[in-house]
PDB file of N, CA and C in Angstrom:
ATOM      1  N   MET A   1     100.350  84.134 106.224  1.00  0.00           N
ATOM      2  CA  MET A   1     100.444  85.369 105.477  1.00  0.00           C
ATOM      3  C   MET A   1      99.246  85.477 104.558  1.00  0.00           C
ATOM      4  N   THR A   2      98.933  86.691 104.211  1.00  0.00           N
ATOM      5  CA  THR A   2      97.873  86.960 103.260  1.00  0.00           C
ATOM      6  C   THR A   2      98.530  87.428 101.968  1.00  0.00           C
ATOM      7  N   LEU A   3      98.128  86.847 100.865  1.00  0.00           N
ATOM      8  CA  LEU A   3      98.707  87.168  99.560  1.00  0.00           C
ATOM      9  C   LEU A   3      97.598  87.659  98.646  1.00  0.00           C
ATOM     10  N   LEU A   4      97.751  88.873  98.148  1.00  0.00           N
ATOM     11  CA  LEU A   4      96.806  89.458  97.199  1.00  0.00           C
ATOM     12  C   LEU A   4      97.548  89.750  95.907  1.00  0.00           C
ATOM     13  N   GLY A   5      96.887  89.560  94.800  1.00  0.00           N
ATOM     14  CA  GLY A   5      97.562  89.817  93.531  1.00  0.00           C
ATOM     15  C   GLY A   5      96.592  90.232  92.445  1.00  0.00           C
ATOM     16  N   LEU A   6      97.083  91.072  91.581  1.00  0.00           N
ATOM     17  CA  LEU A   6      96.338  91.512  90.405  1.00  0.00           C
ATOM     18  C   LEU A   6      97.278  91.521  89.212  1.00  0.00           C
ATOM     19  N   PRO A   7      96.771  91.137  88.046  1.00  0.00           N
ATOM     20  CA  PRO A   7      97.624  91.200  86.854  1.00  0.00           C
ATOM     21  C   PRO A   7      97.943  92.649  86.495  1.00  0.00           C
ATOM     22  N   ASN A   8      99.142  92.860  85.981  1.00  0.00           N
ATOM     23  CA  ASN A   8      99.503  94.186  85.488  1.00  0.00           C
ATOM     24  C   ASN A   8      99.882  94.061  84.020  1.00  0.00           C
ATOM     25  N   LYS A   9     100.090  95.153  83.377  1.00  0.00           N
ATOM     26  CA  LYS A   9     100.397  95.144  81.945  1.00  0.00           C
ATOM     27  C   LYS A   9     101.900  95.209  81.678  1.00  0.00           C
ATOM     28  N   LEU A  10     102.696  95.009  82.708  1.00  0.00           N
ATOM     29  CA  LEU A  10     104.150  95.050  82.577  1.00  0.00           C
ATOM     30  C   LEU A  10     104.694  93.657  82.304  1.00  0.00           C
ATOM     31  N   ALA A  11     105.935  93.592  81.887  1.00  0.00           N
ATOM     32  CA  ALA A  11     106.576  92.308  81.625  1.00  0.00           C
ATOM     33  C   ALA A  11     107.164  91.699  82.896  1.00  0.00           C
ATOM     34  N   CYS A  12     107.123  92.424  83.995  1.00  0.00           N
ATOM     35  CA  CYS A  12     107.698  91.914  85.237  1.00  0.00           C
ATOM     36  C   CYS A  12     106.644  91.936  86.349  1.00  0.00           C
ATOM     37  N   SER A  13     106.928  91.201  87.386  1.00  0.00           N
ATOM     38  CA  SER A  13     106.065  91.184  88.563  1.00  0.00           C
ATOM     39  C   SER A  13     106.630  92.129  89.607  1.00  0.00           C
ATOM     40  N   ARG A  14     105.730  92.708  90.401  1.00  0.00           N
ATOM     41  CA  ARG A  14     106.156  93.633  91.453  1.00  0.00           C
ATOM     42  C   ARG A  14     105.627  93.141  92.793  1.00  0.00           C
ATOM     43  N   LEU A  15     106.338  93.504  93.848  1.00  0.00           N
ATOM     44  CA  LEU A  15     106.005  93.052  95.191  1.00  0.00           C
ATOM     45  C   LEU A  15     105.800  94.239  96.111  1.00  0.00           C
ATOM     46  N   GLY A  16     104.753  94.167  96.918  1.00  0.00           N
ATOM     47  CA  GLY A  16     104.514  95.146  97.970  1.00  0.00           C
ATOM     48  C   GLY A  16     104.331  94.392  99.272  1.00  0.00           C
ATOM     49  N   ILE A  17     104.898  94.918 100.351  1.00  0.00           N
ATOM     50  CA  ILE A  17     104.825  94.252 101.648  1.00  0.00           C
ATOM     51  C   ILE A  17     104.199  95.209 102.650  1.00  0.00           C
ATOM     52  N   LEU A  18     103.180  94.738 103.347  1.00  0.00           N
ATOM     53  CA  LEU A  18     102.546  95.514 104.406  1.00  0.00           C
ATOM     54  C   LEU A  18     102.941  94.895 105.738  1.00  0.00           C
ATOM     55  N   ALA A  19     103.672  95.620 106.540  1.00  0.00           N
ATOM     56  CA  ALA A  19     104.074  95.153 107.861  1.00  0.00           C
ATOM     57  C   ALA A  19     103.753  96.262 108.868  1.00  0.00           C
ATOM     58  N   PRO A  20     102.495  96.363 109.292  1.00  0.00           N
ATOM     59  CA  PRO A  20     102.110  97.454 110.191  1.00  0.00           C
ATOM     60  C   PRO A  20     102.732  97.319 111.573  1.00  0.00           C
ATOM     61  N   ARG A  21     102.837  98.416 112.245  1.00  0.00           N
ATOM     62  CA  ARG A  21     103.464  98.480 113.561  1.00  0.00           C
ATOM     63  C   ARG A  21     102.735  97.626 114.596  1.00  0.00           C
ATOM     64  N   ARG A  22     101.452  97.420 114.416  1.00  0.00           N
ATOM     65  CA  ARG A  22     100.682  96.655 115.395  1.00  0.00           C
ATOM     66  C   ARG A  22     101.069  95.180 115.448  1.00  0.00           C
ATOM     67  N   LEU A  23     101.796  94.697 114.429  1.00  0.00           N
ATOM     68  CA  LEU A  23     102.215  93.295 114.419  1.00  0.00           C
ATOM     69  C   LEU A  23     103.495  93.037 115.195  1.00  0.00           C
ATOM     70  N   GLY A  24     104.242  94.071 115.536  1.00  0.00           N
ATOM     71  CA  GLY A  24     105.464  93.872 116.293  1.00  0.00           C
ATOM     72  C   GLY A  24     106.402  95.055 116.148  1.00  0.00           C
ATOM     73  N   GLY A  25     107.557  94.925 116.772  1.00  0.00           N
ATOM     74  CA  GLY A  25     108.552  95.984 116.726  1.00  0.00           C
ATOM     75  C   GLY A  25     109.283  96.026 115.397  1.00  0.00           C
ATOM     76  N   ALA A  26     110.215  96.949 115.293  1.00  0.00           N
ATOM     77  CA  ALA A  26     110.956  97.156 114.043  1.00  0.00           C
ATOM     78  C   ALA A  26     111.749  95.920 113.638  1.00  0.00           C
ATOM     79  N   VAL A  27     112.317  95.224 114.607  1.00  0.00           N
ATOM     80  CA  VAL A  27     113.104  94.028 114.287  1.00  0.00           C
ATOM     81  C   VAL A  27     112.215  92.973 113.657  1.00  0.00           C
ATOM     82  N   TRP A  28     111.040  92.740 114.230  1.00  0.00           N
ATOM     83  CA  TRP A  28     110.108  91.752 113.684  1.00  0.00           C
ATOM     84  C   TRP A  28     109.672  92.142 112.273  1.00  0.00           C
ATOM     85  N   ARG A  29     109.316  93.396 112.097  1.00  0.00           N
ATOM     86  CA  ARG A  29     108.847  93.847 110.784  1.00  0.00           C
ATOM     87  C   ARG A  29     109.937  93.715 109.725  1.00  0.00           C
ATOM     88  N   ASN A  30     111.167  94.092 110.054  1.00  0.00           N
ATOM     89  CA  ASN A  30     112.268  94.001 109.084  1.00  0.00           C
ATOM     90  C   ASN A  30     112.608  92.556 108.734  1.00  0.00           C
ATOM     91  N   ARG A  31     112.615  91.673 109.730  1.00  0.00           N
ATOM     92  CA  ARG A  31     112.878  90.257 109.448  1.00  0.00           C
ATOM     93  C   ARG A  31     111.786  89.665 108.572  1.00  0.00           C
ATOM     94  N   SER A  32     110.555  90.022 108.852  1.00  0.00           N
ATOM     95  CA  SER A  32     109.440  89.522 108.048  1.00  0.00           C
ATOM     96  C   SER A  32     109.549  90.002 106.612  1.00  0.00           C
ATOM     97  N   LYS A  33     109.892  91.263 106.428  1.00  0.00           N
ATOM     98  CA  LYS A  33     110.020  91.796 105.067  1.00  0.00           C
ATOM     99  C   LYS A  33     111.155  91.118 104.313  1.00  0.00           C
ATOM    100  N   ARG A  34     112.272  90.868 104.992  1.00  0.00           N
ATOM    101  CA  ARG A  34     113.382  90.166 104.343  1.00  0.00           C
ATOM    102  C   ARG A  34     112.967  88.758 103.917  1.00  0.00           C
ATOM    103  N   ARG A  35     112.189  88.097 104.770  1.00  0.00           N
ATOM    104  CA  ARG A  35     111.727  86.747 104.463  1.00  0.00           C
ATOM    105  C   ARG A  35     110.772  86.744 103.268  1.00  0.00           C
ATOM    106  N   VAL A  36     109.881  87.713 103.213  1.00  0.00           N
ATOM    107  CA  VAL A  36     108.942  87.807 102.088  1.00  0.00           C
ATOM    108  C   VAL A  36     109.703  88.079 100.798  1.00  0.00           C
ATOM    109  N   ARG A  37     110.678  88.986 100.840  1.00  0.00           N
ATOM    110  CA  ARG A  37     111.471  89.272  99.637  1.00  0.00           C
ATOM    111  C   ARG A  37     112.199  88.025  99.145  1.00  0.00           C
ATOM    112  N   GLU A  38     112.701  87.227 100.073  1.00  0.00           N
ATOM    113  CA  GLU A  38     113.401  85.999  99.701  1.00  0.00           C
ATOM    114  C   GLU A  38     112.420  85.005  99.061  1.00  0.00           C
ATOM    115  N   LEU A  39     111.217  84.906  99.584  1.00  0.00           N
ATOM    116  CA  LEU A  39     110.192  84.060  98.964  1.00  0.00           C
ATOM    117  C   LEU A  39     109.919  84.514  97.529  1.00  0.00           C
ATOM    118  N   PHE A  40     109.800  85.819  97.347  1.00  0.00           N
ATOM    119  CA  PHE A  40     109.526  86.382  96.030  1.00  0.00           C
ATOM    120  C   PHE A  40     110.679  86.088  95.065  1.00  0.00           C
ATOM    121  N   ARG A  41     111.908  86.190  95.531  1.00  0.00           N
ATOM    122  CA  ARG A  41     113.079  85.912  94.678  1.00  0.00           C
ATOM    123  C   ARG A  41     113.123  84.452  94.252  1.00  0.00           C
ATOM    124  N   HIS A  42     112.763  83.550  95.164  1.00  0.00           N
ATOM    125  CA  HIS A  42     112.803  82.119  94.857  1.00  0.00           C
ATOM    126  C   HIS A  42     111.714  81.704  93.876  1.00  0.00           C
ATOM    127  N   SER A  43     110.588  82.374  93.890  1.00  0.00           N
ATOM    128  CA  SER A  43     109.441  81.930  93.098  1.00  0.00           C
ATOM    129  C   SER A  43     108.754  83.095  92.408  1.00  0.00           C
ATOM    130  N   LYS A  44     109.466  83.797  91.562  1.00  0.00           N
ATOM    131  CA  LYS A  44     108.842  84.899  90.833  1.00  0.00           C
ATOM    132  C   LYS A  44     107.834  84.351  89.838  1.00  0.00           C
ATOM    133  N   PRO A  45     106.659  84.940  89.782  1.00  0.00           N
ATOM    134  CA  PRO A  45     105.685  84.498  88.785  1.00  0.00           C
ATOM    135  C   PRO A  45     106.129  84.898  87.382  1.00  0.00           C
ATOM    136  N   VAL A  46     105.817  84.069  86.411  1.00  0.00           N
ATOM    137  CA  VAL A  46     106.228  84.361  85.034  1.00  0.00           C
ATOM    138  C   VAL A  46     105.375  85.459  84.419  1.00  0.00           C
ATOM    139  N   LEU A  47     104.132  85.548  84.814  1.00  0.00           N
ATOM    140  CA  LEU A  47     103.253  86.596  84.304  1.00  0.00           C
ATOM    141  C   LEU A  47     103.496  87.888  85.060  1.00  0.00           C
ATOM    142  N   GLY A  48     103.083  88.985  84.501  1.00  0.00           N
ATOM    143  CA  GLY A  48     103.182  90.256  85.198  1.00  0.00           C
ATOM    144  C   GLY A  48     102.101  90.358  86.252  1.00  0.00           C
ATOM    145  N   LEU A  49     102.501  90.299  87.506  1.00  0.00           N
ATOM    146  CA  LEU A  49     101.557  90.397  88.618  1.00  0.00           C
ATOM    147  C   LEU A  49     102.027  91.455  89.597  1.00  0.00           C
ATOM    148  N   ASP A  50     101.080  92.129  90.196  1.00  0.00           N
ATOM    149  CA  ASP A  50     101.363  92.986  91.339  1.00  0.00           C
ATOM    150  C   ASP A  50     100.921  92.214  92.572  1.00  0.00           C
ATOM    151  N   LEU A  51     101.877  91.850  93.420  1.00  0.00           N
ATOM    152  CA  LEU A  51     101.589  91.072  94.614  1.00  0.00           C
ATOM    153  C   LEU A  51     101.732  91.941  95.851  1.00  0.00           C
ATOM    154  N   VAL A  52     100.822  91.768  96.782  1.00  0.00           N
ATOM    155  CA  VAL A  52     100.898  92.429  98.082  1.00  0.00           C
ATOM    156  C   VAL A  52     100.836  91.334  99.137  1.00  0.00           C
ATOM    157  N   VAL A  53     101.796  91.344 100.061  1.00  0.00           N
ATOM    158  CA  VAL A  53     101.878  90.326 101.104  1.00  0.00           C
ATOM    159  C   VAL A  53     101.736  90.998 102.458  1.00  0.00           C
ATOM    160  N   LEU A  54     100.895  90.408 103.294  1.00  0.00           N
ATOM    161  CA  LEU A  54     100.713  90.852 104.672  1.00  0.00           C
ATOM    162  C   LEU A  54     101.103  89.697 105.586  1.00  0.00           C
ATOM    163  N   PRO A  55     102.307  89.746 106.184  1.00  0.00           N
ATOM    164  CA  PRO A  55     102.730  88.665 107.073  1.00  0.00           C
ATOM    165  C   PRO A  55     101.887  88.656 108.344  1.00  0.00           C
ATOM    166  N   ARG A  56     101.671  87.475 108.892  1.00  0.00           N
ATOM    167  CA  ARG A  56     100.937  87.316 110.149  1.00  0.00           C
ATOM    168  C   ARG A  56     101.920  87.318 111.315  1.00  0.00           C
ATOM    169  N   ARG A  57     101.387  87.320 112.501  1.00  0.00           N
ATOM    170  CA  ARG A  57     102.202  87.406 113.709  1.00  0.00           C
ATOM    171  C   ARG A  57     103.146  86.212 113.865  1.00  0.00           C
ATOM    172  N   ASP A  58     102.719  85.009 113.504  1.00  0.00           N
ATOM    173  CA  ASP A  58     103.562  83.809 113.654  1.00  0.00           C
ATOM    174  C   ASP A  58     104.397  83.501 112.410  1.00  0.00           C
ATOM    175  N   PHE A  59     104.546  84.453 111.526  1.00  0.00           N
ATOM    176  CA  PHE A  59     105.269  84.281 110.265  1.00  0.00           C
ATOM    177  C   PHE A  59     106.721  83.852 110.482  1.00  0.00           C
ATOM    178  N   LEU A  60     107.371  84.385 111.497  1.00  0.00           N
ATOM    179  CA  LEU A  60     108.787  84.069 111.736  1.00  0.00           C
ATOM    180  C   LEU A  60     108.979  82.709 112.407  1.00  0.00           C
ATOM    181  N   ASP A  61     107.915  82.131 112.956  1.00  0.00           N
ATOM    182  CA  ASP A  61     108.028  80.844 113.650  1.00  0.00           C
ATOM    183  C   ASP A  61     107.912  79.652 112.703  1.00  0.00           C
ATOM    184  N   ILE A  62     107.402  79.875 111.504  1.00  0.00           N
ATOM    185  CA  ILE A  62     107.184  78.795 110.546  1.00  0.00           C
ATOM    186  C   ILE A  62     108.476  78.542 109.766  1.00  0.00           C
ATOM    187  N   PRO A  63     108.852  77.269 109.559  1.00  0.00           N
ATOM    188  CA  PRO A  63     110.062  76.971 108.773  1.00  0.00           C
ATOM    189  C   PRO A  63     109.968  77.523 107.355  1.00  0.00           C
ATOM    190  N   PHE A  64     111.104  77.977 106.840  1.00  0.00           N
ATOM    191  CA  PHE A  64     111.134  78.626 105.524  1.00  0.00           C
ATOM    192  C   PHE A  64     110.659  77.689 104.414  1.00  0.00           C
ATOM    193  N   ALA A  65     111.032  76.411 104.476  1.00  0.00           N
ATOM    194  CA  ALA A  65     110.624  75.449 103.443  1.00  0.00           C
ATOM    195  C   ALA A  65     109.099  75.334 103.384  1.00  0.00           C
ATOM    196  N   SER A  66     108.476  75.379 104.509  1.00  0.00           N
ATOM    197  CA  SER A  66     107.019  75.335 104.576  1.00  0.00           C
ATOM    198  C   SER A  66     106.400  76.575 103.940  1.00  0.00           C
ATOM    199  N   LEU A  67     106.999  77.718 104.198  1.00  0.00           N
ATOM    200  CA  LEU A  67     106.525  78.964 103.603  1.00  0.00           C
ATOM    201  C   LEU A  67     106.672  78.947 102.084  1.00  0.00           C
ATOM    202  N   VAL A  68     107.793  78.417 101.599  1.00  0.00           N
ATOM    203  CA  VAL A  68     108.034  78.349 100.154  1.00  0.00           C
ATOM    204  C   VAL A  68     106.968  77.485  99.492  1.00  0.00           C
ATOM    205  N   ASP A  69     106.669  76.328 100.074  1.00  0.00           N
ATOM    206  CA  ASP A  69     105.657  75.448  99.499  1.00  0.00           C
ATOM    207  C   ASP A  69     104.289  76.119  99.464  1.00  0.00           C
ATOM    208  N   ASP A  70     103.908  76.742 100.556  1.00  0.00           N
ATOM    209  CA  ASP A  70     102.616  77.406 100.639  1.00  0.00           C
ATOM    210  C   ASP A  70     102.534  78.583  99.664  1.00  0.00           C
ATOM    211  N   TYR A  71     103.612  79.359  99.572  1.00  0.00           N
ATOM    212  CA  TYR A  71     103.662  80.511  98.667  1.00  0.00           C
ATOM    213  C   TYR A  71     103.530  80.061  97.214  1.00  0.00           C
ATOM    214  N   ARG A  72     104.280  79.021  96.837  1.00  0.00           N
ATOM    215  CA  ARG A  72     104.227  78.528  95.457  1.00  0.00           C
ATOM    216  C   ARG A  72     102.849  77.981  95.113  1.00  0.00           C
ATOM    217  N   TYR A  73     102.235  77.249  96.039  1.00  0.00           N
ATOM    218  CA  TYR A  73     100.908  76.701  95.804  1.00  0.00           C
ATOM    219  C   TYR A  73      99.896  77.831  95.606  1.00  0.00           C
ATOM    220  N   THR A  74      99.934  78.822  96.465  1.00  0.00           N
ATOM    221  CA  THR A  74      99.003  79.949  96.371  1.00  0.00           C
ATOM    222  C   THR A  74      99.246  80.732  95.094  1.00  0.00           C
ATOM    223  N   LEU A  75     100.491  80.937  94.746  1.00  0.00           N
ATOM    224  CA  LEU A  75     100.829  81.674  93.533  1.00  0.00           C
ATOM    225  C   LEU A  75     100.352  80.940  92.278  1.00  0.00           C
ATOM    226  N   ARG A  76     100.559  79.626  92.223  1.00  0.00           N
ATOM    227  CA  ARG A  76     100.086  78.838  91.083  1.00  0.00           C
ATOM    228  C   ARG A  76      98.569  78.915  90.954  1.00  0.00           C
ATOM    229  N   ARG A  77      97.887  78.808  92.078  1.00  0.00           N
ATOM    230  CA  ARG A  77      96.428  78.878  92.065  1.00  0.00           C
ATOM    231  C   ARG A  77      95.965  80.258  91.596  1.00  0.00           C
ATOM    232  N   HIS A  78      96.657  81.287  92.039  1.00  0.00           N
ATOM    233  CA  HIS A  78      96.288  82.654  91.665  1.00  0.00           C
ATOM    234  C   HIS A  78      96.553  82.911  90.181  1.00  0.00           C
ATOM    235  N   VAL A  79      97.690  82.445  89.675  1.00  0.00           N
ATOM    236  CA  VAL A  79      98.035  82.647  88.270  1.00  0.00           C
ATOM    237  C   VAL A  79      97.047  81.897  87.389  1.00  0.00           C
ATOM    238  N   ARG A  80      96.650  80.711  87.808  1.00  0.00           N
ATOM    239  CA  ARG A  80      95.701  79.908  87.025  1.00  0.00           C
ATOM    240  C   ARG A  80      94.348  80.617  86.909  1.00  0.00           C
ATOM    241  N   THR A  81      93.894  81.281  87.972  1.00  0.00           N
ATOM    242  CA  THR A  81      92.587  81.939  87.945  1.00  0.00           C
ATOM    243  C   THR A  81      92.619  83.296  87.256  1.00  0.00           C
ATOM    244  N   HIS A  82      93.807  83.909  87.093  1.00  0.00           N
ATOM    245  CA  HIS A  82      93.902  85.239  86.498  1.00  0.00           C
ATOM    246  C   HIS A  82      94.693  85.252  85.193  1.00  0.00           C
ATOM    247  N   ARG A  83      94.588  84.200  84.431  1.00  0.00           N
ATOM    248  CA  ARG A  83      95.285  84.168  83.133  1.00  0.00           C
ATOM    249  C   ARG A  83      94.689  85.197  82.198  1.00  0.00           C
ATOM    250  N   PRO A  84      95.538  85.865  81.427  1.00  0.00           N
ATOM    251  CA  PRO A  84      94.998  86.824  80.459  1.00  0.00           C
ATOM    252  C   PRO A  84      94.230  86.101  79.357  1.00  0.00           C
ATOM    253  N   SER A  85      93.148  86.699  78.895  1.00  0.00           N
ATOM    254  CA  SER A  85      92.336  86.026  77.863  1.00  0.00           C
ATOM    255  C   SER A  85      92.726  86.416  76.475  1.00  0.00           C
TER     256      SER A  85
END
């Protein structure tokens, strides 16, 4: 998956999911979006961030625990580089 994020001035973080039709049918897109939302619920960033996630074609084949670890690592790295001054 591709994860993009920018700090916002709100007290909460927001999530946007891009699942274009070219990646698969409606069932694939809906399952991917549900999985991304679950990742976001498990590991919400403490800072106000606007996150956009673009799942890849093999997103549903990867075990969820692996996705959680990768998501948390990427999120920590992103939060560390975009701390408010």
